Amino acid sequence: MKTILYKADSRGSANHGWLDTKHSFSFANYYDPERINFGVLRVLNDDTIAGGKGFGMHPHDNMEIITIPFEGDLAHKDNMGNASVIKQGDVQVMSAGTGVYHSEFNNNPDKAVKLFQIWVFPNKRNVTPRYDQISIREVAKENELYQILSPNKEDQGVWIHQDAWFHLGKFDAGKSDTYSLKKDGNGVYLIVIDGEMEVEGQVLSTRDAIGIWDIEKVQFKAAIDSQILIMEIPMELSY
């Protein structure tokens, strides 16, 4: 087993007034040559966007982009004709492929929206751009992981062009679980959304994360009521 610890207070940060953001990996004006990516996980931004504010139309290509709101509502528009509001309990995915333009704005004028935006390198370049958004409220479980993303269109959650699986979980204090990796050569990036978790002997607090690879299973236990996101992703980029 190999591990790398990512403490919450070691992340890059920027506060633009309307946007307060933390970068787990190099992004925009934050650059750390030791923090470019973890496997095919390229970006994990922890964003708080002020009421009515947001990102105007901007381009992406050849990236799988996943957005998970934790508080508030995010309005999305793109040049594929999609216009929607992503709410807490939803997950959104966009395969940028050959190129897409989109905007993201806080849909509420008087309260912040808080979200993770995650970028994953795809396993196919120049695919046709696509958009999807689903509610994960009906599949949410207590004290058990539940899948929100996979490579397979027929599976639970959204799908992306990559051999990756994402799971969320809320656990009461003292509860434990085990995550079994689905593909050889993959690793796991686990981030504590809130609470305190012991992961393979390492204690993680809110927004701490750990990368683990060369392992078949990951064991964890909640020290207090906690919520986590587990991302299983390939450790090597291949097209």
Protein backbone atom coordinates (compact mmCIF):
# COMPACT_ATOMS: atom_id res chain seq x y z
CA MET A 1 0.00 0.00 0.00
CA LYS A 2 1.16 3.49 -0.88
CA THR A 3 -0.40 6.67 0.46
CA ILE A 4 -0.15 10.43 0.18
CA LEU A 5 -1.82 12.76 2.66
CA TYR A 6 -3.48 16.02 1.59
CA LYS A 7 -4.29 18.17 4.64
CA ALA A 8 -7.08 20.70 4.19
CA ASP A 9 -4.91 23.66 5.23
CA SER A 10 -2.23 22.76 2.68
CA ARG A 11 -4.49 23.40 -0.32
CA GLY A 12 -4.11 26.38 -2.59
CA SER A 13 -6.63 29.14 -2.01
CA ALA A 14 -8.02 32.30 -3.57
CA ASN A 15 -10.68 34.73 -2.43
CA HIS A 16 -12.09 37.00 -5.14
CA GLY A 17 -14.90 38.35 -2.98
CA TRP A 18 -17.63 36.67 -5.01
CA LEU A 19 -15.65 33.40 -5.07
CA ASP A 20 -13.85 31.75 -2.16
CA THR A 21 -12.09 28.65 -3.44
CA LYS A 22 -9.67 25.97 -2.31
CA HIS A 23 -7.60 24.02 -4.84
CA SER A 24 -6.48 20.47 -4.03
CA PHE A 25 -4.32 20.53 -7.18
CA SER A 26 -2.60 23.25 -9.19
CA PHE A 27 -5.18 25.52 -10.76
CA ALA A 28 -5.35 29.12 -12.04
CA ASN A 29 -2.80 31.17 -10.05
CA TYR A 30 -2.03 28.32 -7.64
CA TYR A 31 0.87 26.18 -8.82
CA ASP A 32 2.69 23.45 -6.94
CA PRO A 33 4.79 21.05 -9.05
CA GLU A 34 4.17 18.36 -6.44
CA ARG A 35 0.40 18.81 -6.77
CA ILE A 36 -0.53 18.62 -10.42
CA ASN A 37 -2.78 15.57 -10.21
CA PHE A 38 -3.46 12.25 -8.50
CA GLY A 39 -3.64 9.67 -11.26
CA VAL A 40 -6.23 10.93 -13.75
CA LEU A 41 -7.78 13.20 -11.11
CA ARG A 42 -6.68 16.63 -12.31
CA VAL A 43 -8.83 19.16 -10.41
CA LEU A 44 -10.73 19.20 -7.14
CA ASN A 45 -11.97 22.70 -6.41
CA ASP A 46 -13.92 23.45 -3.23
CA ASP A 47 -15.93 26.53 -4.26
CA THR A 48 -18.17 28.94 -2.36
CA ILE A 49 -19.92 31.34 -4.76
CA ALA A 50 -21.71 34.43 -3.46
CA GLY A 51 -25.37 35.10 -4.22
CA GLY A 52 -26.06 35.96 -7.86
CA LYS A 53 -22.40 35.62 -8.86
CA GLY A 54 -20.61 33.08 -10.99
CA PHE A 55 -18.52 32.17 -14.00
CA GLY A 56 -19.45 33.60 -17.40
CA MET A 57 -19.25 31.59 -20.60
CA HIS A 58 -15.86 29.87 -20.89
CA PRO A 59 -14.46 26.90 -22.85
CA HIS A 60 -13.33 23.39 -21.95
CA ASP A 61 -12.14 20.45 -24.02
CA ASN A 62 -11.05 16.85 -23.47
CA MET A 63 -11.97 16.72 -19.81
CA GLU A 64 -14.70 14.99 -17.77
CA ILE A 65 -16.15 17.64 -15.44
CA ILE A 66 -18.25 16.66 -12.43
CA THR A 67 -20.08 19.13 -10.16
CA ILE A 68 -21.53 18.19 -6.77
CA PRO A 69 -23.37 20.95 -4.83
CA PHE A 70 -23.54 20.66 -1.04
CA GLU A 71 -25.50 23.84 -0.32
CA GLY A 72 -27.62 26.09 -2.53
CA ASP A 73 -28.40 25.98 -6.25
CA LEU A 74 -26.14 26.43 -9.27
CA ALA A 75 -27.54 27.60 -12.63
CA HIS A 76 -25.87 26.04 -15.69
CA LYS A 77 -26.05 27.05 -19.37
CA ASP A 78 -24.01 25.78 -22.31
CA ASN A 79 -23.69 25.98 -26.07
CA MET A 80 -25.24 22.51 -26.41
CA GLY A 81 -28.59 24.04 -25.48
CA ASN A 82 -28.71 22.89 -21.87
CA ALA A 83 -30.08 25.22 -19.19
CA SER A 84 -30.67 23.77 -15.74
CA VAL A 85 -30.36 24.32 -12.01
CA ILE A 86 -28.18 21.90 -10.06
CA LYS A 87 -29.32 21.52 -6.47
CA GLN A 88 -28.01 19.92 -3.33
CA GLY A 89 -28.61 16.21 -3.81
CA ASP A 90 -27.84 16.39 -7.55
CA VAL A 91 -24.73 15.48 -9.49
CA GLN A 92 -23.86 16.95 -12.88
CA VAL A 93 -21.40 15.71 -15.49
CA MET A 94 -20.12 17.27 -18.67
CA SER A 95 -17.86 15.49 -21.17
CA ALA A 96 -16.10 18.42 -22.82
CA GLY A 97 -14.63 16.32 -25.64
CA THR A 98 -14.06 18.32 -28.82
CA GLY A 99 -15.04 21.51 -27.01
CA VAL A 100 -17.88 23.13 -25.10
CA TYR A 101 -18.72 26.55 -23.67
CA HIS A 102 -20.68 26.88 -20.43
CA SER A 103 -21.52 29.28 -17.62
CA GLU A 104 -22.20 28.63 -13.93
CA PHE A 105 -23.96 31.10 -11.65
CA ASN A 106 -25.39 31.00 -8.15
CA ASN A 107 -29.11 30.74 -8.78
CA ASN A 108 -29.99 32.52 -5.52
CA PRO A 109 -29.34 36.24 -4.96
CA ASP A 110 -29.13 36.08 -1.19
CA LYS A 111 -27.23 32.96 -0.17
CA ALA A 112 -24.03 31.20 -1.17
CA VAL A 113 -23.75 28.00 -3.17
CA LYS A 114 -21.08 25.54 -2.06
CA LEU A 115 -19.82 22.78 -4.32
CA PHE A 116 -17.02 20.51 -5.45
CA GLN A 117 -15.99 20.75 -9.07
CA ILE A 118 -13.88 17.82 -10.19
CA TRP A 119 -11.97 17.32 -13.44
CA VAL A 120 -10.91 13.87 -14.61
CA PHE A 121 -8.77 13.17 -17.67
CA PRO A 122 -10.81 11.01 -20.10
CA ASN A 123 -9.67 7.73 -21.65
CA LYS A 124 -10.86 8.92 -25.10
CA ARG A 125 -9.99 12.22 -26.72
CA ASN A 126 -12.23 14.36 -28.92
CA VAL A 127 -15.50 12.65 -28.08
CA THR A 128 -18.80 14.37 -28.87
CA PRO A 129 -19.57 16.76 -25.98
CA ARG A 130 -22.38 15.63 -23.69
CA TYR A 131 -24.24 16.78 -20.58
CA ASP A 132 -26.11 14.91 -17.88
CA GLN A 133 -27.60 15.73 -14.49
CA ILE A 134 -29.38 13.44 -12.06
CA SER A 135 -30.77 13.46 -8.55
CA ILE A 136 -29.00 11.12 -6.15
CA ARG A 137 -31.41 11.69 -3.27
CA GLU A 138 -33.31 8.46 -3.86
CA VAL A 139 -30.14 6.33 -3.80
CA ALA A 140 -28.57 7.97 -0.75
CA LYS A 141 -28.00 5.61 2.17
CA GLU A 142 -27.02 5.97 5.81
CA ASN A 143 -23.89 4.24 7.10
CA GLU A 144 -23.18 2.76 3.68
CA LEU A 145 -21.46 3.97 0.52
CA TYR A 146 -23.60 4.61 -2.55
CA GLN A 147 -22.38 5.01 -6.12
CA ILE A 148 -22.85 8.31 -7.94
CA LEU A 149 -20.58 7.83 -10.98
CA SER A 150 -19.13 5.01 -13.07
CA PRO A 151 -17.89 4.24 -16.62
CA ASN A 152 -21.15 2.46 -17.45
CA LYS A 153 -24.32 4.07 -18.77
CA GLU A 154 -26.47 1.35 -17.21
CA ASP A 155 -25.03 1.69 -13.70
CA GLN A 156 -26.26 3.83 -10.84
CA GLY A 157 -25.30 7.50 -11.14
CA VAL A 158 -23.84 9.47 -14.02
CA TRP A 159 -21.19 8.03 -16.33
CA ILE A 160 -17.93 9.35 -17.78
CA HIS A 161 -15.33 8.39 -20.37
CA GLN A 162 -12.97 6.88 -17.80
CA ASP A 163 -12.65 3.73 -15.67
CA ALA A 164 -13.63 5.63 -12.54
CA TRP A 165 -16.17 5.07 -9.80
CA PHE A 166 -17.31 7.71 -7.28
CA HIS A 167 -19.14 6.95 -4.03
CA LEU A 168 -20.60 9.16 -1.33
CA GLY A 169 -21.37 8.08 2.21
CA LYS A 170 -22.67 9.47 5.49
CA PHE A 171 -21.62 7.57 8.60
CA ASP A 172 -22.62 7.90 12.22
CA ALA A 173 -19.90 8.03 14.86
CA GLY A 174 -18.37 4.59 15.35
CA LYS A 175 -19.63 3.15 12.06
CA SER A 176 -17.15 1.62 9.64
CA ASP A 177 -17.10 0.27 6.09
CA THR A 178 -14.73 -1.11 3.48
CA TYR A 179 -14.35 -0.01 -0.13
CA SER A 180 -13.19 -2.70 -2.59
CA LEU A 181 -11.48 -1.40 -5.72
CA LYS A 182 -13.10 -2.42 -8.97
CA LYS A 183 -10.13 -2.39 -11.36
CA ASP A 184 -6.48 -3.38 -11.11
CA GLY A 185 -4.13 -0.44 -11.39
CA ASN A 186 -6.62 2.01 -9.95
CA GLY A 187 -6.14 4.07 -6.81
CA VAL A 188 -8.47 5.82 -4.40
CA TYR A 189 -8.71 9.49 -3.48
CA LEU A 190 -10.82 9.87 -0.33
CA ILE A 191 -11.84 13.29 0.99
CA VAL A 192 -13.71 13.95 4.22
CA ILE A 193 -16.50 16.38 3.35
CA ASP A 194 -17.20 16.94 7.02
CA GLY A 195 -16.44 15.12 10.24
CA GLU A 196 -13.49 12.95 11.21
CA MET A 197 -12.52 9.59 9.74
CA GLU A 198 -9.82 7.04 10.42
CA VAL A 199 -8.68 5.72 7.04
CA GLU A 200 -6.17 2.86 7.03
CA GLY A 201 -4.82 4.09 10.36
CA GLN A 202 -4.65 7.77 9.32
CA VAL A 203 -6.97 10.26 11.06
CA LEU A 204 -8.57 12.76 8.66
CA SER A 205 -10.63 15.81 9.61
CA THR A 206 -12.99 17.97 7.53
CA ARG A 207 -11.65 18.51 4.00
CA ASP A 208 -8.54 16.41 4.65
CA ALA A 209 -7.89 13.84 1.94
CA ILE A 210 -5.72 10.82 1.30
CA GLY A 211 -4.58 9.14 -1.90
CA ILE A 212 -4.09 5.38 -1.70
CA TRP A 213 -2.87 2.95 -4.32
CA ASP A 214 -1.34 -0.54 -4.65
CA ILE A 215 -4.21 -1.82 -2.51
CA GLU A 216 -7.33 -3.92 -3.07
CA LYS A 217 -9.50 -2.58 -0.24
CA VAL A 218 -9.71 0.61 1.81
CA GLN A 219 -11.02 0.45 5.38
CA PHE A 220 -12.39 3.46 7.22
CA LYS A 221 -14.24 4.31 10.42
CA ALA A 222 -16.09 7.44 11.51
CA ALA A 223 -14.78 9.00 14.72
CA ILE A 224 -17.73 11.41 14.73
CA ASP A 225 -20.71 11.83 12.37
CA SER A 226 -19.03 12.21 8.99
CA GLN A 227 -19.55 12.42 5.25
CA ILE A 228 -16.99 11.27 2.67
CA LEU A 229 -16.42 11.15 -1.07
CA ILE A 230 -14.41 8.25 -2.48
CA MET A 231 -13.07 8.51 -6.02
CA GLU A 232 -11.57 5.39 -7.56
CA ILE A 233 -9.54 6.40 -10.59
CA PRO A 234 -6.76 5.02 -12.84
CA MET A 235 -3.28 5.94 -11.68
CA GLU A 236 -1.98 6.13 -15.26
CA LEU A 237 -3.32 8.27 -18.10
CA SER A 238 -3.96 6.39 -21.34
CA TYR A 239 -5.93 7.21 -24.45
